[in-house]
Amino acid sequence: MPFQDILQSLSLDRAWQHLETITTDIPSRLAGSENARRMAEYADAEQRAAGLASRTTTFPGLVSFPEPAVLRILEPEPLDIEAFTLAQSQTAALDGELIDLGPAGWADYAGQDVRGKIVLAELPYAPARHEKALIAWRAGARGLITANWGDEQCEAIAFGSIKSPWGNPTPEALERDMPQLPAASISRRDGLRLQRMCASGPVRVHLATRAENGWRPVTMTSGEIDAGTSEFLLVGGHMDSWFGPQATDNAAGSACILELARVFQRAASRGELRRGLHTGFWMAHETGTMISSTRYADVHWDRLRRDCVGYLQIDQPGIAETSVFQLHSTEDLREWLTRVTSETLGNMPLRWGRQSKNGDSSFFGVGLSCLAGLLSFTHEEIAATALANLGWYHHSIHNTLDRVAPDRLELCLRVYARWIWELLTLPVLPIQQAPVAAALLARLNECAAQPIDDIDMAGAVERARAYAGLATRLDAAADLARQLPPGSEQEQRATHLNAAMLATSRVLVPLASTVVGAYGQDRYGHAWQRNVIPALTPWAAVAGADRDSEAFATGWVELVRARNRVVDALDAASSIAERAMAPLAT
């Protein structure tokens, strides 16, 4: 069988050689640096050697080169604490009162006056670091210190960025969403020490940060495998890194993509694929916050919308000492993804989560079905390390080659190969729209249970219910087409149904997974991203607000427009399904 040929062709030795080369010869792959350029050239050369059509692209990116910081406790007792400046931080030196706000989300600021103070925040807990910095800046704080994950004695300091805009900023985002404050990272051990001090009385600190921020030329690498058709799967992962080897993040991912590209290029040359494969080695993911994947989505918009069947993100595969496979996807791929992964892994535990906007998830606006997966730890292990689900060494200088295990990397390669094989060879794509409809309907029902004057959420629920029926019929038609014997009838139905499913995803993925919609990018760590139809997140708060308040008046404007966006998308999806079903009924 051809897939068995794929598995036999996969070479752990080749992937491991890539991993060793990257971590040993090209460490510290910070965007805009010489080593980042060398990494792009290495990926390009290896793809060309494998037979892909490969290219590098250079463009400006707003990146950062942070340096060690100085953190000194002034009161109640002198103490020096090791710290590192966060990327995109202001360069500054200041003294101020330290205030511990725990996770440092908006709710933690209630009743607190942080103006002129330095906020101490726990990195592991939501919101993300970028959002913590934005909130602190908007609340008037003078600085930010983030305490890392790990056990209570962990001394690792996490590198990270506070650049909130996803991708290169627009003029508006540059002014509104770029935190202008000094920020530094410290270890979990020292963070707990500072928390205890703050709990006992006033704490004053001296904080000095230094970072070189600015626009630099950055280079990404992309490749194409031609299967003789216009359709393709996009497989990507970031190739830039923080200081040091950064083996799991994401040298291992780059190694996997290079090996998978080599194997699937050979399959294409044998005529075994019905769809092509495109690769993206993203740059300026870390210090620049997803710059090149965002640019790729913008520049290749037409082709992605027309021909791309999905986006597979490969980030941090092969983590040592892991025992659980963590899956993330849009709802339309959940059933297929969990099934084929379980078949590949056997008895290994699986966890599935709705894919939110992290990593290089820059393609929700395009409307791509998305999937990702990696090996992680048990719930108990994660809880014991303050949510270090990627290892206590993640984003630190301790992310060395031994953090990747060969057997774990080989397992990830086999899983990714299975996903890619099916997405490139199945006549009918494994997309299901009924689960998407169910998730949308459930969310709209939640909102309808809390009525807001003059916003017809009941009408939106009816639209969603009508679409759910059509989606169920569309999925059933796809199931029937999958059962047809190979031949012209199956091919015709597959072409027809695939087009309908992809057109529906183009409409509903931006609705289900973005705040701003198709043509923008939500900022990194936006808290609303956790919810289905993120634009409706304020619904409960506005429904419970005083009808004479400004909060209600302004929230109403936001939500009525979000509701209108919902019904337009549902109407469009229903029309696609009706048109798709019409010729199948005759």
Protein backbone atom coordinates (compact mmCIF):
# COMPACT_ATOMS: atom_id res chain seq x y z
CA MET A 1 0.00 0.00 0.00
CA PRO A 2 1.30 3.49 -0.81
CA PHE A 3 0.93 4.78 2.77
CA GLN A 4 3.10 1.93 3.99
CA ASP A 5 5.65 3.15 1.47
CA ILE A 6 5.44 6.58 3.07
CA LEU A 7 6.07 5.14 6.53
CA GLN A 8 8.97 3.04 5.27
CA SER A 9 10.47 6.07 3.54
CA LEU A 10 10.37 8.25 6.65
CA SER A 11 13.81 8.44 8.17
CA LEU A 12 14.27 9.33 11.81
CA ASP A 13 18.00 9.49 11.15
CA ARG A 14 17.52 12.20 8.51
CA ALA A 15 15.19 14.19 10.76
CA TRP A 16 17.60 13.86 13.67
CA GLN A 17 20.49 15.01 11.50
CA HIS A 18 18.50 18.14 10.65
CA LEU A 19 17.79 18.66 14.33
CA GLU A 20 21.45 18.33 15.30
CA THR A 21 22.56 20.66 12.52
CA ILE A 22 20.05 23.34 13.46
CA THR A 23 20.68 23.24 17.20
CA THR A 24 24.47 22.92 16.95
CA ASP A 25 25.39 24.99 13.89
CA ILE A 26 22.52 27.51 13.81
CA PRO A 27 21.50 28.30 17.41
CA SER A 28 19.92 31.56 18.58
CA ARG A 29 17.85 32.03 15.44
CA LEU A 30 16.40 35.43 16.38
CA ALA A 31 14.55 37.09 13.51
CA GLY A 32 16.70 39.66 11.77
CA SER A 33 19.95 38.02 12.90
CA GLU A 34 22.63 36.36 10.79
CA ASN A 35 21.70 32.93 12.15
CA ALA A 36 18.07 33.45 11.24
CA ARG A 37 19.13 34.17 7.66
CA ARG A 38 21.35 31.07 7.69
CA MET A 39 18.41 28.99 8.91
CA ALA A 40 16.27 30.23 6.02
CA GLU A 41 19.03 29.36 3.58
CA TYR A 42 19.45 25.91 5.13
CA ALA A 43 15.74 25.12 4.77
CA ASP A 44 15.79 26.40 1.20
CA ALA A 45 18.82 24.30 0.24
CA GLU A 46 17.40 21.14 1.81
CA GLN A 47 14.06 21.57 0.06
CA ARG A 48 15.75 22.10 -3.29
CA ALA A 49 17.87 18.99 -2.74
CA ALA A 50 14.65 17.04 -2.08
CA GLY A 51 13.15 18.24 -5.36
CA LEU A 52 10.74 20.89 -4.10
CA ALA A 53 10.26 24.25 -5.77
CA SER A 54 11.70 26.34 -2.94
CA ARG A 55 12.23 30.04 -2.41
CA THR A 56 13.26 32.54 0.24
CA THR A 57 11.45 35.84 0.69
CA THR A 58 12.87 38.85 2.52
CA PHE A 59 10.76 41.71 3.87
CA PRO A 60 10.79 44.16 6.81
CA GLY A 61 9.71 42.96 10.23
CA LEU A 62 9.31 44.77 13.54
CA VAL A 63 11.58 42.62 15.71
CA SER A 64 13.58 42.91 18.91
CA PHE A 65 16.88 41.92 20.46
CA PRO A 66 16.45 41.90 24.25
CA GLU A 67 19.30 41.78 26.77
CA PRO A 68 19.73 40.86 30.46
CA ALA A 69 17.80 43.08 32.84
CA VAL A 70 18.58 44.37 36.31
CA LEU A 71 16.06 43.73 39.08
CA ARG A 72 16.96 44.82 42.59
CA ILE A 73 14.73 44.78 45.65
CA LEU A 74 15.17 48.10 47.49
CA GLU A 75 12.65 47.60 50.30
CA PRO A 76 12.01 45.88 52.65
CA GLU A 77 15.49 44.34 52.22
CA PRO A 78 18.14 44.63 49.50
CA LEU A 79 18.20 41.67 47.13
CA ASP A 80 19.38 41.17 43.54
CA ILE A 81 17.24 38.94 41.33
CA GLU A 82 18.29 37.53 37.95
CA ALA A 83 16.08 38.86 35.15
CA PHE A 84 15.95 39.13 31.38
CA THR A 85 14.33 41.88 29.33
CA LEU A 86 11.28 40.83 27.36
CA ALA A 87 11.36 41.47 23.63
CA GLN A 88 9.74 44.74 22.48
CA SER A 89 10.19 46.14 26.00
CA GLN A 90 11.14 49.77 26.43
CA THR A 91 14.73 50.43 27.41
CA ALA A 92 14.43 52.17 30.76
CA ALA A 93 15.57 52.30 34.39
CA LEU A 94 13.09 53.09 37.15
CA ASP A 95 12.28 52.62 40.82
CA GLY A 96 8.76 51.86 41.94
CA GLU A 97 6.36 50.01 44.15
CA LEU A 98 5.76 46.37 43.18
CA ILE A 99 2.17 45.14 43.12
CA ASP A 100 1.32 41.45 42.80
CA LEU A 101 -1.70 40.86 40.56
CA GLY A 102 -1.42 37.10 40.10
CA PRO A 103 -2.49 36.21 36.52
CA ALA A 104 -2.84 39.97 35.81
CA GLY A 105 -5.94 39.79 33.63
CA TRP A 106 -8.43 42.63 33.59
CA ALA A 107 -10.41 41.12 36.48
CA ASP A 108 -7.29 41.18 38.68
CA TYR A 109 -7.08 44.96 38.30
CA ALA A 110 -10.52 45.51 39.83
CA GLY A 111 -10.19 47.83 42.80
CA GLN A 112 -6.44 48.26 42.23
CA ASP A 113 -4.68 51.49 41.37
CA VAL A 114 -1.55 50.48 39.49
CA ARG A 115 -0.68 53.91 38.12
CA GLY A 116 3.04 54.50 38.58
CA LYS A 117 3.60 50.98 39.93
CA ILE A 118 5.38 47.90 38.60
CA VAL A 119 3.09 44.89 38.13
CA LEU A 120 4.20 41.39 39.11
CA ALA A 121 2.35 38.79 37.01
CA GLU A 122 2.34 35.01 36.87
CA LEU A 123 3.22 34.00 33.32
CA PRO A 124 1.59 30.53 33.26
CA TYR A 125 -1.97 31.66 33.81
CA ALA A 126 -4.23 33.37 31.29
CA PRO A 127 -4.09 35.85 29.71
CA ALA A 128 -0.97 35.41 27.60
CA ARG A 129 2.12 37.51 28.30
CA HIS A 130 1.40 39.89 25.42
CA GLU A 131 -2.07 40.61 26.79
CA LYS A 132 -0.77 41.02 30.34
CA ALA A 133 1.59 43.71 29.07
CA LEU A 134 -1.13 45.46 27.10
CA ILE A 135 -3.46 45.49 30.10
CA ALA A 136 -0.72 46.77 32.41
CA TRP A 137 0.14 49.57 29.99
CA ARG A 138 -3.46 50.60 29.46
CA ALA A 139 -4.03 50.56 33.22
CA GLY A 140 -1.17 53.02 33.73
CA ALA A 141 1.49 50.72 35.18
CA ARG A 142 5.10 51.85 34.83
CA GLY A 143 6.55 48.37 34.31
CA LEU A 144 5.88 44.64 34.24
CA ILE A 145 7.67 41.61 35.67
CA THR A 146 6.52 38.12 34.69
CA ALA A 147 7.32 35.06 36.80
CA ASN A 148 7.94 31.84 34.90
CA TRP A 149 6.37 28.37 35.08
CA GLY A 150 8.06 25.28 36.57
CA ASP A 151 8.04 23.77 40.04
CA GLU A 152 8.52 25.99 43.08
CA GLN A 153 12.30 25.73 42.93
CA CYS A 154 12.63 26.19 39.16
CA GLU A 155 15.32 28.75 38.27
CA ALA A 156 14.68 28.85 34.49
CA ILE A 157 13.91 32.27 33.04
CA ALA A 158 11.64 32.33 30.01
CA PHE A 159 12.43 34.51 27.04
CA GLY A 160 9.35 36.11 25.53
CA SER A 161 7.81 39.11 23.82
CA ILE A 162 5.23 41.70 24.78
CA LYS A 163 4.37 42.69 21.20
CA SER A 164 0.60 42.41 21.11
CA PRO A 165 -0.22 43.03 17.41
CA TRP A 166 -0.29 39.77 15.45
CA GLY A 167 2.08 40.20 12.52
CA ASN A 168 3.53 43.53 11.44
CA PRO A 169 1.28 46.23 12.94
CA THR A 170 -1.08 48.50 11.06
CA PRO A 171 -0.72 52.22 11.88
CA GLU A 172 -3.67 51.92 14.27
CA ALA A 173 -2.27 48.82 16.02
CA LEU A 174 1.14 50.45 16.32
CA GLU A 175 -0.43 53.29 18.26
CA ARG A 176 -3.08 51.40 20.20
CA ASP A 177 -1.76 47.90 20.86
CA MET A 178 2.03 48.17 21.31
CA PRO A 179 2.68 48.31 25.07
CA GLN A 180 5.10 51.10 25.88
CA LEU A 181 6.61 49.99 29.16
CA PRO A 182 9.73 48.23 30.46
CA ALA A 183 9.15 44.52 31.03
CA ALA A 184 11.31 41.68 32.29
CA SER A 185 11.10 37.96 33.02
CA ILE A 186 12.20 36.14 36.19
CA SER A 187 12.15 32.55 37.41
CA ARG A 188 9.28 30.78 39.14
CA ARG A 189 11.35 30.50 42.33
CA ASP A 190 12.03 34.23 42.47
CA GLY A 191 8.47 35.07 41.48
CA LEU A 192 7.11 33.13 44.46
CA ARG A 193 9.63 34.91 46.69
CA LEU A 194 8.40 38.29 45.48
CA GLN A 195 4.79 37.25 45.97
CA ARG A 196 5.50 36.36 49.59
CA MET A 197 7.22 39.69 50.12
CA CYS A 198 4.29 41.60 48.59
CA ALA A 199 1.88 39.71 50.84
CA SER A 200 3.83 40.85 53.90
CA GLY A 201 3.97 44.55 53.11
CA PRO A 202 5.13 47.23 50.63
CA VAL A 203 7.91 46.25 48.23
CA ARG A 204 9.97 48.70 46.23
CA VAL A 205 12.20 47.60 43.36
CA HIS A 206 14.66 48.97 40.83
CA LEU A 207 14.08 47.67 37.30
CA ALA A 208 16.40 48.34 34.36
CA THR A 209 15.62 46.86 30.96
CA ARG A 210 17.33 47.01 27.58
CA ALA A 211 16.13 45.91 24.14
CA GLU A 212 16.96 46.96 20.62
CA ASN A 213 13.61 47.18 18.84
CA GLY A 214 13.14 48.11 15.21
CA TRP A 215 12.47 47.17 11.63
CA ARG A 216 14.91 44.62 10.24
CA PRO A 217 15.01 42.54 7.05
CA VAL A 218 13.67 39.08 7.88
CA THR A 219 13.70 36.04 5.60
CA MET A 220 11.27 33.15 5.42
CA THR A 221 11.37 29.99 3.31
CA SER A 222 8.53 28.31 1.45
CA GLY A 223 8.28 25.32 -0.83
CA GLU A 224 5.84 23.61 -3.17
CA ILE A 225 5.20 20.01 -4.17
CA ASP A 226 3.21 19.85 -7.39
CA ALA A 227 0.73 16.99 -7.69
CA GLY A 228 -0.68 18.16 -11.00
CA THR A 229 -3.74 19.89 -9.52
CA SER A 230 -4.31 23.33 -8.06
CA GLU A 231 -5.43 22.11 -4.62
CA PHE A 232 -2.85 21.88 -1.84
CA LEU A 233 -2.33 21.42 1.89
CA LEU A 234 -0.25 24.03 3.71
CA VAL A 235 2.19 22.67 6.32
CA GLY A 236 4.07 25.21 8.39
CA GLY A 237 6.00 25.97 11.54
CA HIS A 238 8.28 28.73 12.75
CA MET A 239 12.02 28.34 12.23
CA ASP A 240 13.17 31.34 14.28
CA SER A 241 13.94 30.91 17.96
CA TRP A 242 15.11 32.49 21.17
CA PHE A 243 18.71 32.33 22.41
CA GLY A 244 20.39 28.94 22.59
CA PRO A 245 19.60 25.66 20.80
CA GLN A 246 15.81 25.81 21.32
CA ALA A 247 15.59 22.17 20.33
CA THR A 248 11.90 21.59 20.89
CA ASP A 249 10.88 25.10 19.89
CA ASN A 250 11.07 24.76 16.99
CA ALA A 251 14.18 23.09 15.61
CA ALA A 252 12.36 19.76 15.94
CA GLY A 253 9.43 21.14 13.97
CA SER A 254 11.67 22.36 11.16
CA ALA A 255 13.37 18.95 11.07
CA CYS A 256 10.00 17.21 10.76
CA ILE A 257 8.79 19.47 7.96
CA LEU A 258 11.99 18.94 5.98
CA GLU A 259 11.75 15.16 6.29
CA LEU A 260 8.03 15.05 5.50
CA ALA A 261 8.58 17.29 2.47
CA ARG A 262 11.28 14.95 1.18
CA VAL A 263 9.06 11.89 1.50
CA PHE A 264 5.94 13.45 0.00
CA GLN A 265 7.91 14.92 -2.90
CA ARG A 266 8.87 11.36 -3.78
CA ALA A 267 5.22 10.30 -3.51
CA ALA A 268 4.21 13.11 -5.85
CA SER A 269 6.86 12.09 -8.36
CA ARG A 270 5.31 8.61 -8.37
CA GLY A 271 1.87 10.07 -9.08
CA GLU A 272 0.41 8.99 -5.73
CA LEU A 273 -1.04 12.34 -4.63
CA ARG A 274 -4.21 14.06 -5.80
CA ARG A 275 -3.30 17.33 -4.07
CA GLY A 276 -0.06 19.25 -3.66
CA LEU A 277 1.76 20.25 -0.51
CA HIS A 278 3.12 23.69 0.32
CA THR A 279 5.53 24.35 3.17
CA GLY A 280 6.09 27.47 5.23
CA PHE A 281 9.13 27.96 7.46
CA TRP A 282 7.91 31.02 9.32
CA MET A 283 10.19 33.79 10.53
CA ALA A 284 9.72 36.50 13.20
CA HIS A 285 7.30 34.35 15.15
CA GLU A 286 9.01 34.89 18.51
CA THR A 287 10.27 38.47 18.84
CA GLY A 288 7.97 39.78 16.13
CA THR A 289 4.76 37.83 16.95
CA MET A 290 3.86 35.76 13.87
CA ILE A 291 5.07 38.19 11.23
CA SER A 292 5.85 35.95 8.28
CA SER A 293 2.87 33.57 8.53
CA THR A 294 0.63 36.64 8.67
CA ARG A 295 2.35 38.14 5.65
CA TYR A 296 2.05 34.83 3.81
CA ALA A 297 -1.70 34.81 4.46
CA ASP A 298 -2.02 38.38 3.17
CA VAL A 299 0.17 38.00 0.09
CA HIS A 300 -1.16 34.58 -0.95
CA TRP A 301 -4.77 35.34 -0.06
CA ASP A 302 -6.27 34.54 -3.48
CA ARG A 303 -4.56 31.19 -3.83
CA LEU A 304 -5.21 30.16 -0.24
CA ARG A 305 -8.91 31.02 -0.48
CA ARG A 306 -9.29 29.26 -3.80
CA ASP A 307 -7.15 26.15 -3.49
CA CYS A 308 -5.93 25.42 0.05
CA VAL A 309 -7.66 22.46 1.75
CA GLY A 310 -6.25 23.14 5.22
CA TYR A 311 -3.34 24.22 7.40
CA LEU A 312 -1.23 21.83 9.47
CA GLN A 313 0.90 23.57 12.08
CA ILE A 314 3.97 21.68 13.31
CA ASP A 315 5.41 23.16 16.47
CA GLN A 316 7.43 21.46 19.21
CA PRO A 317 7.17 17.78 18.26
CA GLY A 318 9.09 15.03 20.02
CA ILE A 319 9.25 16.45 23.56
CA ALA A 320 11.04 13.97 25.83
CA GLU A 321 9.29 12.21 28.73
CA THR A 322 5.82 12.90 27.32
CA SER A 323 2.97 10.40 27.30
CA VAL A 324 -0.17 12.17 26.01
CA PHE A 325 -0.89 13.30 22.46
CA GLN A 326 -2.53 16.73 22.48
CA LEU A 327 -4.65 17.56 19.42
CA HIS A 328 -5.99 20.93 18.36
CA SER A 329 -8.21 21.64 15.39
CA THR A 330 -11.15 23.56 14.09
CA GLU A 331 -14.41 21.72 14.82
CA ASP A 332 -14.80 20.59 11.21
CA LEU A 333 -11.81 18.22 11.48
CA ARG A 334 -12.29 16.94 15.03
CA GLU A 335 -13.94 13.56 14.34
CA TRP A 336 -11.53 12.56 11.59
CA LEU A 337 -8.47 13.87 13.43
CA THR A 338 -9.18 12.03 16.68
CA ARG A 339 -10.03 8.81 14.85
CA VAL A 340 -6.97 8.58 12.60
CA THR A 341 -4.63 9.71 15.40
CA SER A 342 -6.04 7.03 17.69
CA GLU A 343 -5.59 4.43 14.96
CA THR A 344 -1.97 5.49 14.55
CA LEU A 345 -1.08 5.68 18.25
CA GLY A 346 -2.97 2.70 19.60
CA ASN A 347 -3.49 2.98 23.36
CA MET A 348 -1.73 6.31 23.94
CA PRO A 349 -4.05 8.81 25.66
CA LEU A 350 -5.41 11.63 23.47
CA ARG A 351 -6.65 15.07 24.36
CA TRP A 352 -8.50 17.26 21.88
CA GLY A 353 -9.01 21.00 22.19
CA ARG A 354 -10.56 23.57 19.92
CA GLN A 355 -7.75 25.35 18.10
CA SER A 356 -7.37 28.88 19.38
CA LYS A 357 -5.16 31.64 18.08
CA ASN A 358 -1.68 30.72 19.24
CA GLY A 359 1.46 29.45 17.59
CA ASP A 360 1.26 30.42 13.93
CA SER A 361 -2.52 30.21 13.64
CA SER A 362 -2.58 33.06 11.16
CA PHE A 363 -5.11 31.50 8.78
CA PHE A 364 -8.48 31.70 10.56
CA GLY A 365 -9.33 34.83 8.61
CA VAL A 366 -8.59 33.07 5.32
CA GLY A 367 -11.10 30.43 6.42
CA LEU A 368 -8.82 27.41 6.50
CA SER A 369 -9.61 24.27 8.44
CA CYS A 370 -6.69 23.96 10.85
CA LEU A 371 -5.03 21.16 12.78
CA ALA A 372 -2.04 20.69 15.04
CA GLY A 373 -0.72 18.12 17.48
CA LEU A 374 2.18 17.39 19.77
CA LEU A 375 3.16 15.18 22.67
CA SER A 376 2.60 16.63 26.12
CA PHE A 377 2.46 15.66 29.77
CA THR A 378 -0.26 14.32 32.04
CA HIS A 379 -2.62 16.72 33.81
CA GLU A 380 -0.87 15.93 37.08
CA GLU A 381 2.57 16.68 35.67
CA ILE A 382 1.36 19.93 34.16
CA ALA A 383 -0.29 21.02 37.41
CA ALA A 384 2.90 20.30 39.36
CA THR A 385 4.91 22.64 37.12
CA ALA A 386 2.53 25.63 37.07
CA LEU A 387 1.09 24.68 33.66
CA ALA A 388 4.42 24.00 31.93
CA ASN A 389 2.68 21.85 29.32
CA LEU A 390 5.66 22.25 26.97
CA GLY A 391 8.29 21.55 29.63
CA TRP A 392 9.73 23.75 32.37
CA TYR A 393 12.60 24.63 29.99
CA HIS A 394 10.29 26.04 27.28
CA HIS A 395 11.58 29.40 25.92
CA SER A 396 14.65 29.17 28.16
CA ILE A 397 18.37 28.62 27.63
CA HIS A 398 17.81 25.10 28.98
CA ASN A 399 15.94 23.96 25.83
CA THR A 400 18.78 21.74 24.68
CA LEU A 401 18.94 18.74 22.33
CA ASP A 402 18.25 16.26 25.15
CA ARG A 403 14.77 17.77 25.54
CA VAL A 404 13.83 15.93 22.33
CA ALA A 405 13.53 12.14 22.47
CA PRO A 406 14.17 10.17 19.24
CA ASP A 407 11.25 7.78 19.83
CA ARG A 408 8.88 10.69 20.52
CA LEU A 409 10.06 12.50 17.39
CA GLU A 410 9.56 9.38 15.29
CA LEU A 411 6.05 8.98 16.68
CA CYS A 412 5.19 12.55 15.72
CA LEU A 413 6.54 12.00 12.22
CA ARG A 414 4.28 8.96 11.78
CA VAL A 415 1.22 10.84 13.00
CA TYR A 416 1.88 13.86 10.79
CA ALA A 417 2.51 11.58 7.82
CA ARG A 418 -0.86 9.89 8.33
CA TRP A 419 -2.66 13.23 8.47
CA ILE A 420 -0.88 14.56 5.40
CA TRP A 421 -1.39 11.36 3.43
CA GLU A 422 -5.13 11.36 3.94
CA LEU A 423 -5.53 15.08 3.27
CA LEU A 424 -3.58 14.68 0.03
CA THR A 425 -5.18 11.46 -1.21
CA LEU A 426 -8.75 11.06 0.02
CA PRO A 427 -11.23 11.74 -2.80
CA VAL A 428 -13.67 13.39 -0.35
CA LEU A 429 -12.04 15.66 2.20
CA PRO A 430 -12.61 14.60 5.83
CA ILE A 431 -14.41 17.83 6.71
CA GLN A 432 -17.68 17.75 8.64
CA GLN A 433 -19.84 20.84 8.92
CA ALA A 434 -22.45 19.50 11.35
CA PRO A 435 -20.10 19.81 14.38
CA VAL A 436 -19.42 23.42 13.41
CA ALA A 437 -23.15 24.08 13.16
CA ALA A 438 -23.73 22.46 16.55
CA ALA A 439 -21.07 24.62 18.20
CA LEU A 440 -22.49 27.80 16.66
CA LEU A 441 -26.04 26.88 17.65
CA ALA A 442 -25.04 26.11 21.23
CA ARG A 443 -23.32 29.48 21.58
CA LEU A 444 -26.24 31.39 20.09
CA ASN A 445 -28.66 29.58 22.40
CA GLU A 446 -26.56 30.71 25.36
CA CYS A 447 -26.88 34.31 24.20
CA ALA A 448 -30.59 34.04 23.42
CA ALA A 449 -31.20 32.92 27.00
CA GLN A 450 -30.09 36.41 28.10
CA PRO A 451 -32.11 38.76 25.85
CA ILE A 452 -30.82 42.20 24.97
CA ASP A 453 -33.31 44.83 23.81
CA ASP A 454 -33.58 45.20 20.03
CA ILE A 455 -31.00 42.53 19.20
CA ASP A 456 -32.85 39.66 17.56
CA MET A 457 -30.82 36.74 18.84
CA ALA A 458 -33.83 34.44 18.56
CA GLY A 459 -33.76 35.06 14.82
CA ALA A 460 -30.07 34.17 14.75
CA VAL A 461 -30.85 30.93 16.58
CA GLU A 462 -33.44 30.05 13.94
CA ARG A 463 -30.91 30.70 11.19
CA ALA A 464 -28.40 28.48 13.00
CA ARG A 465 -30.95 25.73 13.46
CA ALA A 466 -31.84 25.81 9.77
CA TYR A 467 -28.18 25.67 8.80
CA ALA A 468 -27.58 22.76 11.20
CA GLY A 469 -30.14 20.72 9.29
CA LEU A 470 -28.48 21.54 5.98
CA ALA A 471 -25.04 20.76 7.37
CA THR A 472 -26.22 17.35 8.52
CA ARG A 473 -27.52 16.63 5.03
CA LEU A 474 -24.28 17.84 3.45
CA ASP A 475 -22.22 15.60 5.73
CA ALA A 476 -24.47 12.65 4.92
CA ALA A 477 -23.99 13.25 1.20
CA ALA A 478 -20.23 13.32 1.75
CA ASP A 479 -20.40 10.03 3.65
CA LEU A 480 -22.30 8.44 0.78
CA ALA A 481 -19.73 9.69 -1.71
CA ARG A 482 -16.94 8.19 0.40
CA GLN A 483 -18.63 4.78 0.13
CA LEU A 484 -18.85 4.84 -3.66
CA PRO A 485 -16.39 2.65 -5.54
CA PRO A 486 -13.50 4.49 -7.19
CA GLY A 487 -14.54 5.87 -10.53
CA SER A 488 -16.02 8.80 -12.37
CA GLU A 489 -19.17 9.09 -10.24
CA GLN A 490 -17.18 9.30 -7.02
CA GLU A 491 -14.77 11.80 -8.56
CA GLN A 492 -17.59 14.04 -9.74
CA ARG A 493 -19.34 13.96 -6.38
CA ALA A 494 -16.08 14.48 -4.53
CA THR A 495 -15.21 17.53 -6.60
CA HIS A 496 -18.68 18.98 -6.06
CA LEU A 497 -18.85 18.30 -2.31
CA ASN A 498 -15.26 19.33 -1.59
CA ALA A 499 -15.92 22.71 -3.20
CA ALA A 500 -19.01 23.17 -1.03
CA MET A 501 -17.24 22.18 2.18
CA LEU A 502 -14.29 24.47 1.52
CA ALA A 503 -16.57 27.38 0.58
CA THR A 504 -18.45 26.86 3.84
CA SER A 505 -15.24 26.85 5.86
CA ARG A 506 -14.20 30.12 4.23
CA VAL A 507 -17.39 31.64 5.68
CA LEU A 508 -17.67 29.94 9.07
CA VAL A 509 -14.07 29.61 10.30
CA PRO A 510 -13.62 33.41 10.53
CA LEU A 511 -16.96 33.65 12.33
CA ALA A 512 -16.27 30.86 14.81
CA SER A 513 -12.64 31.72 15.51
CA THR A 514 -11.95 35.47 15.14
CA VAL A 515 -12.98 38.73 16.75
CA VAL A 516 -12.04 41.04 13.90
CA GLY A 517 -13.23 38.87 11.01
CA ALA A 518 -11.65 37.72 7.79
CA TYR A 519 -9.43 40.65 6.87
CA GLY A 520 -7.52 41.33 10.07
CA GLN A 521 -5.68 39.50 12.82
CA ASP A 522 -6.76 39.39 16.44
CA ARG A 523 -4.02 40.52 18.78
CA TYR A 524 -2.01 37.81 20.52
CA GLY A 525 -3.65 36.47 23.67
CA HIS A 526 -6.99 38.20 23.12
CA ALA A 527 -9.10 36.71 25.92
CA TRP A 528 -12.21 36.44 23.74
CA GLN A 529 -10.45 33.89 21.56
CA ARG A 530 -11.35 31.10 23.97
CA ASN A 531 -15.00 31.26 22.96
CA VAL A 532 -16.88 30.08 19.88
CA ILE A 533 -17.92 33.25 17.99
CA PRO A 534 -15.43 35.38 19.94
CA ALA A 535 -17.13 38.62 18.87
CA LEU A 536 -20.09 37.70 21.09
CA THR A 537 -17.99 37.29 24.24
CA PRO A 538 -19.30 40.46 25.97
CA TRP A 539 -22.92 39.27 25.62
CA ALA A 540 -23.48 38.20 29.23
CA ALA A 541 -21.88 41.34 30.66
CA VAL A 542 -23.91 43.65 28.44
CA ALA A 543 -27.12 41.71 29.08
CA GLY A 544 -26.61 42.20 32.80
CA ALA A 545 -25.65 45.88 32.59
CA ASP A 546 -27.83 48.80 33.67
CA ARG A 547 -29.85 49.77 30.61
CA ASP A 548 -29.15 53.47 31.30
CA SER A 549 -25.37 52.98 31.55
CA GLU A 550 -22.74 53.87 29.00
CA ALA A 551 -21.46 50.29 29.24
CA PHE A 552 -24.79 49.04 27.96
CA ALA A 553 -25.11 51.67 25.24
CA THR A 554 -21.65 51.07 23.79
CA GLY A 555 -21.76 47.30 24.29
CA TRP A 556 -25.11 47.17 22.48
CA VAL A 557 -23.57 48.75 19.38
CA GLU A 558 -20.77 46.22 19.36
CA LEU A 559 -23.06 43.24 19.85
CA VAL A 560 -25.79 44.14 17.38
CA ARG A 561 -23.13 44.34 14.69
CA ALA A 562 -21.64 41.03 15.83
CA ARG A 563 -25.11 39.48 15.64
CA ASN A 564 -25.58 40.79 12.11
CA ARG A 565 -22.25 39.31 11.10
CA VAL A 566 -23.44 35.97 12.49
CA VAL A 567 -26.67 35.86 10.51
CA ASP A 568 -25.00 36.94 7.29
CA ALA A 569 -22.47 34.12 7.67
CA LEU A 570 -25.18 31.58 8.47
CA ASP A 571 -27.25 32.69 5.48
CA ALA A 572 -24.20 32.38 3.23
CA ALA A 573 -23.38 28.92 4.57
CA SER A 574 -26.99 27.81 4.10
CA SER A 575 -26.97 29.02 0.51
CA ILE A 576 -23.76 27.08 -0.18
CA ALA A 577 -25.27 23.91 1.28
CA GLU A 578 -28.56 24.30 -0.61
CA ARG A 579 -26.74 24.79 -3.91
CA ALA A 580 -24.55 21.79 -3.17
CA MET A 581 -27.49 19.52 -2.35
CA ALA A 582 -29.68 20.50 -5.30
CA PRO A 583 -27.95 18.48 -8.06
CA LEU A 584 -27.50 15.52 -5.71
CA ALA A 585 -31.26 15.23 -5.18
CA THR A 586 -31.95 14.50 -8.87
